[in-house]
Amino acid sequence: MRIVVQEAPFDFGQEAEAFANGRHDMGAIVTFTGVVRDFGQGGLDAMEIEHYPGMTQKALEKIASEAVSRWSLGDALVIHRYGRMEPGEKIMMVATAAPHRKDAFEAAEFLMDYLKSRAPFWKKEHARTGKTDWVAAKDEDEDALNRW
């Protein structure tokens, strides 16, 4: 299990290949990457993500450990960035490896739902107009997490 919280961009291809390489005992590997999305008509200049380093690392390790044991995963990877990112940049990546695809998919969804709703990150959107807004929690994200 590997948990990385970093400011620098990551190479999805390299990370996915390194995670999958040599997995002779796993029948399924699922990956997901979250990307900064413009909120329409080119209005987003950047997203800024803040966190408390020690608290964030521990929280992500705890939830990844839960996913590994709950779905009998062979391995899990979570990479999450912080700092200022522009539309199109990768924010995070989740990868899961399991003997069977159902466990790999469900564990990946669980991790993504947790990262979206409960991980200790705070996101601020910077509009091209100069306006800034903290991103509020959404009901649909809470509903997604509640299914677990």
C-alpha atoms as a PDB file:
ATOM      1  CA  MET A   1       0.000   0.000   0.000  1.00  0.00           C
ATOM      2  CA  ARG A   2       1.372   3.389  -0.960  1.00  0.00           C
ATOM      3  CA  ILE A   3      -0.084   6.768   0.012  1.00  0.00           C
ATOM      4  CA  VAL A   4       1.466   9.924  -1.422  1.00  0.00           C
ATOM      5  CA  VAL A   5       0.453  13.518  -0.731  1.00  0.00           C
ATOM      6  CA  GLN A   6       2.516  15.866  -2.861  1.00  0.00           C
ATOM      7  CA  GLU A   7       2.551  19.267  -4.488  1.00  0.00           C
ATOM      8  CA  ALA A   8       4.334  18.186  -7.675  1.00  0.00           C
ATOM      9  CA  PRO A   9       2.503  16.738 -10.686  1.00  0.00           C
ATOM     10  CA  PHE A  10       2.648  12.969 -11.163  1.00  0.00           C
ATOM     11  CA  ASP A  11       2.929  10.878 -14.304  1.00  0.00           C
ATOM     12  CA  PHE A  12      -0.205   8.726 -14.484  1.00  0.00           C
ATOM     13  CA  GLY A  13       1.302   6.309 -17.004  1.00  0.00           C
ATOM     14  CA  GLN A  14       4.424   5.700 -14.951  1.00  0.00           C
ATOM     15  CA  GLU A  15       2.446   5.300 -11.732  1.00  0.00           C
ATOM     16  CA  ALA A  16      -0.066   2.898 -13.308  1.00  0.00           C
ATOM     17  CA  GLU A  17       2.687   0.825 -14.929  1.00  0.00           C
ATOM     18  CA  ALA A  18       4.718   0.625 -11.711  1.00  0.00           C
ATOM     19  CA  PHE A  19       1.603  -0.385  -9.768  1.00  0.00           C
ATOM     20  CA  ALA A  20       0.593  -3.087 -12.271  1.00  0.00           C
ATOM     21  CA  ASN A  21       4.034  -4.432 -13.100  1.00  0.00           C
ATOM     22  CA  GLY A  22       4.689  -7.978 -11.899  1.00  0.00           C
ATOM     23  CA  ARG A  23       1.213  -8.633 -10.472  1.00  0.00           C
ATOM     24  CA  HIS A  24       0.971 -12.335 -11.308  1.00  0.00           C
ATOM     25  CA  ASP A  25      -1.367 -13.064  -8.407  1.00  0.00           C
ATOM     26  CA  MET A  26      -3.913 -10.324  -9.141  1.00  0.00           C
ATOM     27  CA  GLY A  27      -6.617 -10.727 -11.802  1.00  0.00           C
ATOM     28  CA  ALA A  28      -7.788  -7.106 -11.762  1.00  0.00           C
ATOM     29  CA  ILE A  29      -6.206  -3.677 -11.546  1.00  0.00           C
ATOM     30  CA  VAL A  30      -8.426  -0.604 -11.506  1.00  0.00           C
ATOM     31  CA  THR A  31      -7.147   2.958 -11.852  1.00  0.00           C
ATOM     32  CA  PHE A  32      -8.866   6.320 -11.633  1.00  0.00           C
ATOM     33  CA  THR A  33      -7.508   9.820 -12.043  1.00  0.00           C
ATOM     34  CA  GLY A  34      -9.268  13.012 -10.961  1.00  0.00           C
ATOM     35  CA  VAL A  35      -8.626  16.135 -13.029  1.00  0.00           C
ATOM     36  CA  VAL A  36      -9.241  19.833 -12.357  1.00  0.00           C
ATOM     37  CA  ARG A  37     -12.445  20.617 -14.223  1.00  0.00           C
ATOM     38  CA  ASP A  38     -13.373  24.068 -15.459  1.00  0.00           C
ATOM     39  CA  PHE A  39     -16.818  25.069 -14.243  1.00  0.00           C
ATOM     40  CA  GLY A  40     -17.870  26.314 -17.674  1.00  0.00           C
ATOM     41  CA  GLN A  41     -17.017  28.795 -20.438  1.00  0.00           C
ATOM     42  CA  GLY A  42     -13.381  28.962 -19.374  1.00  0.00           C
ATOM     43  CA  GLY A  43     -14.275  30.642 -16.099  1.00  0.00           C
ATOM     44  CA  LEU A  44     -11.890  28.720 -13.824  1.00  0.00           C
ATOM     45  CA  ASP A  45      -8.360  30.062 -13.588  1.00  0.00           C
ATOM     46  CA  ALA A  46      -7.124  27.568 -10.972  1.00  0.00           C
ATOM     47  CA  MET A  47      -8.019  25.377  -8.032  1.00  0.00           C
ATOM     48  CA  GLU A  48      -6.029  25.608  -4.834  1.00  0.00           C
ATOM     49  CA  ILE A  49      -5.969  22.649  -2.438  1.00  0.00           C
ATOM     50  CA  GLU A  50      -4.845  22.971   1.172  1.00  0.00           C
ATOM     51  CA  HIS A  51      -4.275  20.324   3.852  1.00  0.00           C
ATOM     52  CA  TYR A  52      -2.582  19.556   7.178  1.00  0.00           C
ATOM     53  CA  PRO A  53       0.305  17.224   6.246  1.00  0.00           C
ATOM     54  CA  GLY A  54       0.440  14.834   9.214  1.00  0.00           C
ATOM     55  CA  MET A  55      -3.314  14.620   9.611  1.00  0.00           C
ATOM     56  CA  THR A  56      -3.906  14.086   5.900  1.00  0.00           C
ATOM     57  CA  GLN A  57      -1.347  11.286   5.553  1.00  0.00           C
ATOM     58  CA  LYS A  58      -2.756   9.417   8.571  1.00  0.00           C
ATOM     59  CA  ALA A  59      -6.349   9.792   7.387  1.00  0.00           C
ATOM     60  CA  LEU A  60      -5.535   8.467   3.913  1.00  0.00           C
ATOM     61  CA  GLU A  61      -3.509   5.572   5.318  1.00  0.00           C
ATOM     62  CA  LYS A  62      -6.386   4.605   7.589  1.00  0.00           C
ATOM     63  CA  ILE A  63      -9.008   4.554   4.842  1.00  0.00           C
ATOM     64  CA  ALA A  64      -6.702   2.741   2.404  1.00  0.00           C
ATOM     65  CA  SER A  65      -5.989   0.099   5.055  1.00  0.00           C
ATOM     66  CA  GLU A  66      -9.732  -0.320   5.530  1.00  0.00           C
ATOM     67  CA  ALA A  67     -10.205  -0.792   1.783  1.00  0.00           C
ATOM     68  CA  VAL A  68      -7.374  -3.352   1.598  1.00  0.00           C
ATOM     69  CA  SER A  69      -8.878  -5.484   4.354  1.00  0.00           C
ATOM     70  CA  ARG A  70     -12.543  -4.986   3.448  1.00  0.00           C
ATOM     71  CA  TRP A  71     -12.111  -6.066  -0.174  1.00  0.00           C
ATOM     72  CA  SER A  72      -9.121  -8.414   0.237  1.00  0.00           C
ATOM     73  CA  LEU A  73      -6.991  -6.252  -2.004  1.00  0.00           C
ATOM     74  CA  GLY A  74      -3.487  -7.246  -2.927  1.00  0.00           C
ATOM     75  CA  ASP A  75      -2.475  -3.596  -2.979  1.00  0.00           C
ATOM     76  CA  ALA A  76      -3.725  -0.013  -3.134  1.00  0.00           C
ATOM     77  CA  LEU A  77      -2.260   3.282  -4.248  1.00  0.00           C
ATOM     78  CA  VAL A  78      -3.497   6.794  -3.476  1.00  0.00           C
ATOM     79  CA  ILE A  79      -1.767   9.893  -4.813  1.00  0.00           C
ATOM     80  CA  HIS A  80      -3.278  13.274  -3.986  1.00  0.00           C
ATOM     81  CA  ARG A  81      -1.852  16.661  -4.832  1.00  0.00           C
ATOM     82  CA  TYR A  82      -2.113  19.966  -3.031  1.00  0.00           C
ATOM     83  CA  GLY A  83      -1.277  23.506  -4.043  1.00  0.00           C
ATOM     84  CA  ARG A  84      -2.405  25.486  -7.080  1.00  0.00           C
ATOM     85  CA  MET A  85      -3.538  23.583 -10.192  1.00  0.00           C
ATOM     86  CA  GLU A  86      -5.005  24.726 -13.496  1.00  0.00           C
ATOM     87  CA  PRO A  87      -7.866  23.103 -15.440  1.00  0.00           C
ATOM     88  CA  GLY A  88      -6.736  19.839 -16.999  1.00  0.00           C
ATOM     89  CA  GLU A  89      -4.097  19.071 -14.357  1.00  0.00           C
ATOM     90  CA  LYS A  90      -4.310  15.785 -12.457  1.00  0.00           C
ATOM     91  CA  ILE A  91      -5.400  16.163  -8.834  1.00  0.00           C
ATOM     92  CA  MET A  92      -5.368  12.580  -7.640  1.00  0.00           C
ATOM     93  CA  MET A  93      -5.029   8.929  -8.569  1.00  0.00           C
ATOM     94  CA  VAL A  94      -6.391   5.754  -7.034  1.00  0.00           C
ATOM     95  CA  ALA A  95      -5.282   2.262  -8.034  1.00  0.00           C
ATOM     96  CA  THR A  96      -6.430  -1.053  -6.594  1.00  0.00           C
ATOM     97  CA  ALA A  97      -5.288  -4.617  -7.274  1.00  0.00           C
ATOM     98  CA  ALA A  98      -7.392  -7.647  -6.369  1.00  0.00           C
ATOM     99  CA  PRO A  99      -7.762 -11.267  -7.424  1.00  0.00           C
ATOM    100  CA  HIS A 100     -11.184 -10.431  -8.928  1.00  0.00           C
ATOM    101  CA  ARG A 101     -12.531  -7.312 -10.694  1.00  0.00           C
ATOM    102  CA  LYS A 102     -15.533  -6.734  -8.412  1.00  0.00           C
ATOM    103  CA  ASP A 103     -13.311  -6.181  -5.376  1.00  0.00           C
ATOM    104  CA  ALA A 104     -10.913  -3.965  -7.338  1.00  0.00           C
ATOM    105  CA  PHE A 105     -13.745  -1.777  -8.712  1.00  0.00           C
ATOM    106  CA  GLU A 106     -15.658  -1.505  -5.425  1.00  0.00           C
ATOM    107  CA  ALA A 107     -12.543  -0.676  -3.409  1.00  0.00           C
ATOM    108  CA  ALA A 108     -11.516   1.975  -5.933  1.00  0.00           C
ATOM    109  CA  GLU A 109     -14.988   3.552  -5.785  1.00  0.00           C
ATOM    110  CA  PHE A 110     -14.911   3.469  -1.987  1.00  0.00           C
ATOM    111  CA  LEU A 111     -11.534   5.248  -1.949  1.00  0.00           C
ATOM    112  CA  MET A 112     -12.688   7.840  -4.497  1.00  0.00           C
ATOM    113  CA  ASP A 113     -15.885   8.540  -2.546  1.00  0.00           C
ATOM    114  CA  TYR A 114     -13.882   8.936   0.652  1.00  0.00           C
ATOM    115  CA  LEU A 115     -11.368  11.268  -1.001  1.00  0.00           C
ATOM    116  CA  LYS A 116     -14.175  13.420  -2.388  1.00  0.00           C
ATOM    117  CA  SER A 117     -16.160  13.710   0.857  1.00  0.00           C
ATOM    118  CA  ARG A 118     -14.050  13.022   3.927  1.00  0.00           C
ATOM    119  CA  ALA A 119     -10.359  13.403   3.204  1.00  0.00           C
ATOM    120  CA  PRO A 120      -8.955  16.453   4.984  1.00  0.00           C
ATOM    121  CA  PHE A 121      -8.395  18.629   1.919  1.00  0.00           C
ATOM    122  CA  TRP A 122      -9.877  22.083   1.397  1.00  0.00           C
ATOM    123  CA  LYS A 123     -10.439  23.322  -2.150  1.00  0.00           C
ATOM    124  CA  LYS A 124     -10.694  26.910  -3.307  1.00  0.00           C
ATOM    125  CA  GLU A 125     -11.682  27.862  -6.841  1.00  0.00           C
ATOM    126  CA  HIS A 126     -10.106  30.932  -8.412  1.00  0.00           C
ATOM    127  CA  ALA A 127     -12.277  32.355 -11.205  1.00  0.00           C
ATOM    128  CA  ARG A 128     -10.858  34.350 -14.096  1.00  0.00           C
ATOM    129  CA  THR A 129     -12.956  37.271 -12.812  1.00  0.00           C
ATOM    130  CA  GLY A 130     -10.801  37.381  -9.670  1.00  0.00           C
ATOM    131  CA  LYS A 131     -13.523  35.908  -7.434  1.00  0.00           C
ATOM    132  CA  THR A 132     -12.523  33.047  -5.119  1.00  0.00           C
ATOM    133  CA  ASP A 133     -14.826  30.522  -3.466  1.00  0.00           C
ATOM    134  CA  TRP A 134     -14.250  27.576  -1.172  1.00  0.00           C
ATOM    135  CA  VAL A 135     -15.775  24.419  -2.652  1.00  0.00           C
ATOM    136  CA  ALA A 136     -18.701  23.260  -0.515  1.00  0.00           C
ATOM    137  CA  ALA A 137     -19.665  19.658   0.124  1.00  0.00           C
ATOM    138  CA  LYS A 138     -22.364  18.338  -2.198  1.00  0.00           C
ATOM    139  CA  ASP A 139     -25.293  16.165  -1.203  1.00  0.00           C
ATOM    140  CA  GLU A 140     -24.605  13.698  -4.018  1.00  0.00           C
ATOM    141  CA  ASP A 141     -21.051  13.179  -2.731  1.00  0.00           C
ATOM    142  CA  GLU A 142     -22.383  12.440   0.748  1.00  0.00           C
ATOM    143  CA  ASP A 143     -24.976  10.057  -0.710  1.00  0.00           C
ATOM    144  CA  ALA A 144     -22.222   8.221  -2.600  1.00  0.00           C
ATOM    145  CA  LEU A 145     -20.206   7.794   0.596  1.00  0.00           C
ATOM    146  CA  ASN A 146     -23.245   6.655   2.592  1.00  0.00           C
ATOM    147  CA  ARG A 147     -23.627   3.531   0.456  1.00  0.00           C
ATOM    148  CA  TRP A 148     -20.472   2.082   1.994  1.00  0.00           C
END
